[in-house]
Each structure stands twice: as structure tokens, then as C-alpha cells.
């Protein structure tokens, strides 16, 4: 069985961000770690732009 890699997750997360589905994007990041897929710089970049686009901050 083929497993998704970091590139697959990055593409899916970018698509979710384009739809402004920020909640599912965050869940996908957790799913990635659960499936032992190490995030890379692209994945973190998508998450950062996701949080910025949603107006989420850690104030």
C-alpha cells in the first residue's frame, strides 16, 4: 500500500488553505505526525501561512 509523503500532505494542505478550511488543515498536520511522516520546511510554511491567513496568533 502506498503511503502519503510530506509532498502529498503539503499539496493537500495548500488546497485546504485555498478553501479557507483552516481547521482541517490543522488536523491534517496532526495526522501527518500520527502516520510517522516527518513534516518539512514546505509543510511548516503552509501551516504558517494558514495561521496568518486565518488571523490566528499566540498573543
N, C-alpha and C. Protein backbone atom coordinates (compact mmCIF):
# COMPACT_ATOMS: atom_id res chain seq x y z
N UNK A 1 0.84 -1.19 0.00
CA UNK A 1 0.00 0.00 0.00
C UNK A 1 0.88 1.25 0.00
N UNK A 2 0.56 2.18 -0.84
CA UNK A 2 1.31 3.42 -0.93
C UNK A 2 0.89 4.36 0.19
N UNK A 3 1.89 5.00 0.81
CA UNK A 3 1.61 5.94 1.91
C UNK A 3 1.91 7.36 1.45
N UNK A 4 1.13 8.33 1.90
CA UNK A 4 1.41 9.72 1.53
C UNK A 4 2.72 10.19 2.16
N UNK A 5 3.43 11.08 1.44
CA UNK A 5 4.66 11.64 1.98
C UNK A 5 4.46 13.13 2.25
N UNK A 6 5.53 13.81 2.64
CA UNK A 6 5.43 15.23 3.01
C UNK A 6 4.92 16.08 1.84
N UNK A 7 5.30 15.73 0.62
CA UNK A 7 4.85 16.49 -0.55
C UNK A 7 3.34 16.33 -0.74
N UNK A 8 2.85 15.12 -0.59
CA UNK A 8 1.41 14.87 -0.71
C UNK A 8 0.64 15.69 0.31
N UNK A 9 1.11 15.66 1.55
CA UNK A 9 0.44 16.42 2.61
C UNK A 9 0.50 17.92 2.32
N UNK A 10 1.64 18.42 1.84
CA UNK A 10 1.76 19.85 1.55
C UNK A 10 0.75 20.27 0.48
N UNK A 11 0.60 19.46 -0.55
CA UNK A 11 -0.37 19.78 -1.61
C UNK A 11 -1.80 19.78 -1.09
N UNK A 12 -2.13 18.78 -0.28
CA UNK A 12 -3.47 18.73 0.30
C UNK A 12 -3.72 19.92 1.22
N UNK A 13 -2.74 20.26 2.04
CA UNK A 13 -2.91 21.38 2.97
C UNK A 13 -3.02 22.70 2.23
N UNK A 14 -2.27 22.87 1.14
CA UNK A 14 -2.39 24.10 0.34
C UNK A 14 -3.79 24.22 -0.25
N UNK A 15 -4.33 23.12 -0.72
CA UNK A 15 -5.69 23.13 -1.26
C UNK A 15 -6.72 23.49 -0.20
N UNK A 16 -6.54 22.95 1.00
CA UNK A 16 -7.46 23.27 2.10
C UNK A 16 -7.34 24.74 2.49
N UNK A 17 -6.12 25.27 2.48
CA UNK A 17 -5.94 26.70 2.78
C UNK A 17 -6.63 27.57 1.74
N UNK A 18 -6.55 27.15 0.48
CA UNK A 18 -7.20 27.91 -0.59
C UNK A 18 -8.71 27.95 -0.39
N UNK A 19 -9.26 26.89 0.21
CA UNK A 19 -10.70 26.83 0.50
C UNK A 19 -11.02 27.46 1.86
N UNK A 20 -9.98 27.97 2.53
CA UNK A 20 -10.10 28.58 3.86
C UNK A 20 -10.63 27.58 4.88
N UNK A 21 -10.24 26.33 4.74
CA UNK A 21 -10.62 25.26 5.67
C UNK A 21 -9.46 25.05 6.65
N UNK A 22 -9.28 26.02 7.53
CA UNK A 22 -8.12 26.04 8.43
C UNK A 22 -8.17 24.93 9.47
N UNK A 23 -9.36 24.57 9.91
CA UNK A 23 -9.49 23.53 10.93
C UNK A 23 -9.00 22.19 10.39
N UNK A 24 -9.40 21.85 9.18
CA UNK A 24 -8.99 20.58 8.58
C UNK A 24 -7.49 20.59 8.27
N UNK A 25 -6.95 21.75 7.91
CA UNK A 25 -5.51 21.84 7.66
C UNK A 25 -4.73 21.49 8.91
N UNK A 26 -5.16 22.00 10.05
CA UNK A 26 -4.51 21.67 11.31
C UNK A 26 -4.63 20.20 11.65
N UNK A 27 -5.79 19.63 11.40
CA UNK A 27 -5.99 18.19 11.65
C UNK A 27 -5.07 17.36 10.76
N UNK A 28 -4.87 17.82 9.54
CA UNK A 28 -4.00 17.09 8.62
C UNK A 28 -2.56 17.09 9.13
N UNK A 29 -2.13 18.17 9.76
CA UNK A 29 -0.78 18.22 10.32
C UNK A 29 -0.63 17.20 11.44
N UNK A 30 -1.64 17.07 12.28
CA UNK A 30 -1.59 16.06 13.33
C UNK A 30 -1.62 14.65 12.74
N UNK A 31 -2.42 14.45 11.70
CA UNK A 31 -2.49 13.15 11.04
C UNK A 31 -1.14 12.77 10.45
N UNK A 32 -0.45 13.75 9.93
CA UNK A 32 0.87 13.53 9.35
C UNK A 32 1.83 12.95 10.39
N UNK A 33 1.85 13.55 11.57
CA UNK A 33 2.73 13.06 12.62
C UNK A 33 2.26 11.70 13.14
N UNK A 34 0.96 11.50 13.23
CA UNK A 34 0.41 10.23 13.68
C UNK A 34 0.85 9.10 12.75
N UNK A 35 0.92 9.39 11.47
CA UNK A 35 1.32 8.38 10.48
C UNK A 35 2.83 8.32 10.30
N UNK A 36 3.57 8.97 11.20
CA UNK A 36 5.03 8.96 11.20
C UNK A 36 5.62 9.52 9.91
N UNK A 37 5.00 10.59 9.42
CA UNK A 37 5.50 11.30 8.25
C UNK A 37 6.08 12.62 8.75
N UNK A 38 7.38 12.77 8.61
CA UNK A 38 8.06 13.96 9.14
C UNK A 38 7.76 15.18 8.27
N UNK A 39 7.23 16.25 8.89
CA UNK A 39 6.99 17.48 8.12
C UNK A 39 8.31 18.13 7.71
N UNK A 40 8.31 18.80 6.58
CA UNK A 40 9.50 19.51 6.12
C UNK A 40 9.22 21.01 6.10
N UNK A 41 10.15 21.78 5.58
CA UNK A 41 10.02 23.24 5.57
C UNK A 41 8.78 23.69 4.80
N UNK A 42 8.43 22.98 3.75
CA UNK A 42 7.24 23.35 2.96
C UNK A 42 5.98 23.17 3.79
N UNK A 43 5.89 22.06 4.51
CA UNK A 43 4.72 21.82 5.35
C UNK A 43 4.59 22.90 6.42
N UNK A 44 5.70 23.24 7.06
CA UNK A 44 5.65 24.28 8.08
C UNK A 44 5.29 25.63 7.46
N UNK A 45 5.78 25.90 6.25
CA UNK A 45 5.43 27.15 5.57
C UNK A 45 3.94 27.24 5.28
N UNK A 46 3.36 26.13 4.85
CA UNK A 46 1.91 26.10 4.59
C UNK A 46 1.15 26.37 5.88
N UNK A 47 1.57 25.74 6.98
CA UNK A 47 0.89 25.96 8.26
C UNK A 47 1.03 27.40 8.73
N UNK A 48 2.20 27.99 8.53
CA UNK A 48 2.41 29.38 8.94
C UNK A 48 1.51 30.32 8.13
N UNK A 49 1.45 30.13 6.83
CA UNK A 49 0.59 31.00 6.02
C UNK A 49 -0.88 30.72 6.33
N UNK A 50 -1.20 29.48 6.68
CA UNK A 50 -2.55 29.11 7.10
C UNK A 50 -2.94 29.90 8.34
N UNK A 51 -2.09 29.91 9.33
CA UNK A 51 -2.40 30.63 10.57
C UNK A 51 -2.45 32.14 10.34
N UNK A 52 -1.57 32.65 9.49
CA UNK A 52 -1.60 34.08 9.18
C UNK A 52 -2.86 34.47 8.43
N UNK A 53 -3.28 33.64 7.49
CA UNK A 53 -4.48 33.92 6.72
C UNK A 53 -5.74 33.88 7.55
N UNK A 54 -5.71 33.05 8.60
CA UNK A 54 -6.89 32.92 9.46
C UNK A 54 -6.88 33.94 10.59
N UNK A 55 -5.78 34.71 10.69
CA UNK A 55 -5.69 35.69 11.77
C UNK A 55 -5.43 35.05 13.12
N UNK A 56 -4.82 33.86 13.12
CA UNK A 56 -4.53 33.15 14.36
C UNK A 56 -3.15 33.56 14.86
N UNK A 57 -3.07 33.91 16.12
CA UNK A 57 -1.77 34.24 16.72
C UNK A 57 -1.71 33.69 18.13
N UNK A 58 -0.53 33.72 18.72
CA UNK A 58 -0.36 33.21 20.08
C UNK A 58 -0.17 34.36 21.06
N UNK A 59 -0.96 35.39 20.96
CA UNK A 59 -0.83 36.56 21.86
C UNK A 59 -1.25 36.23 23.26
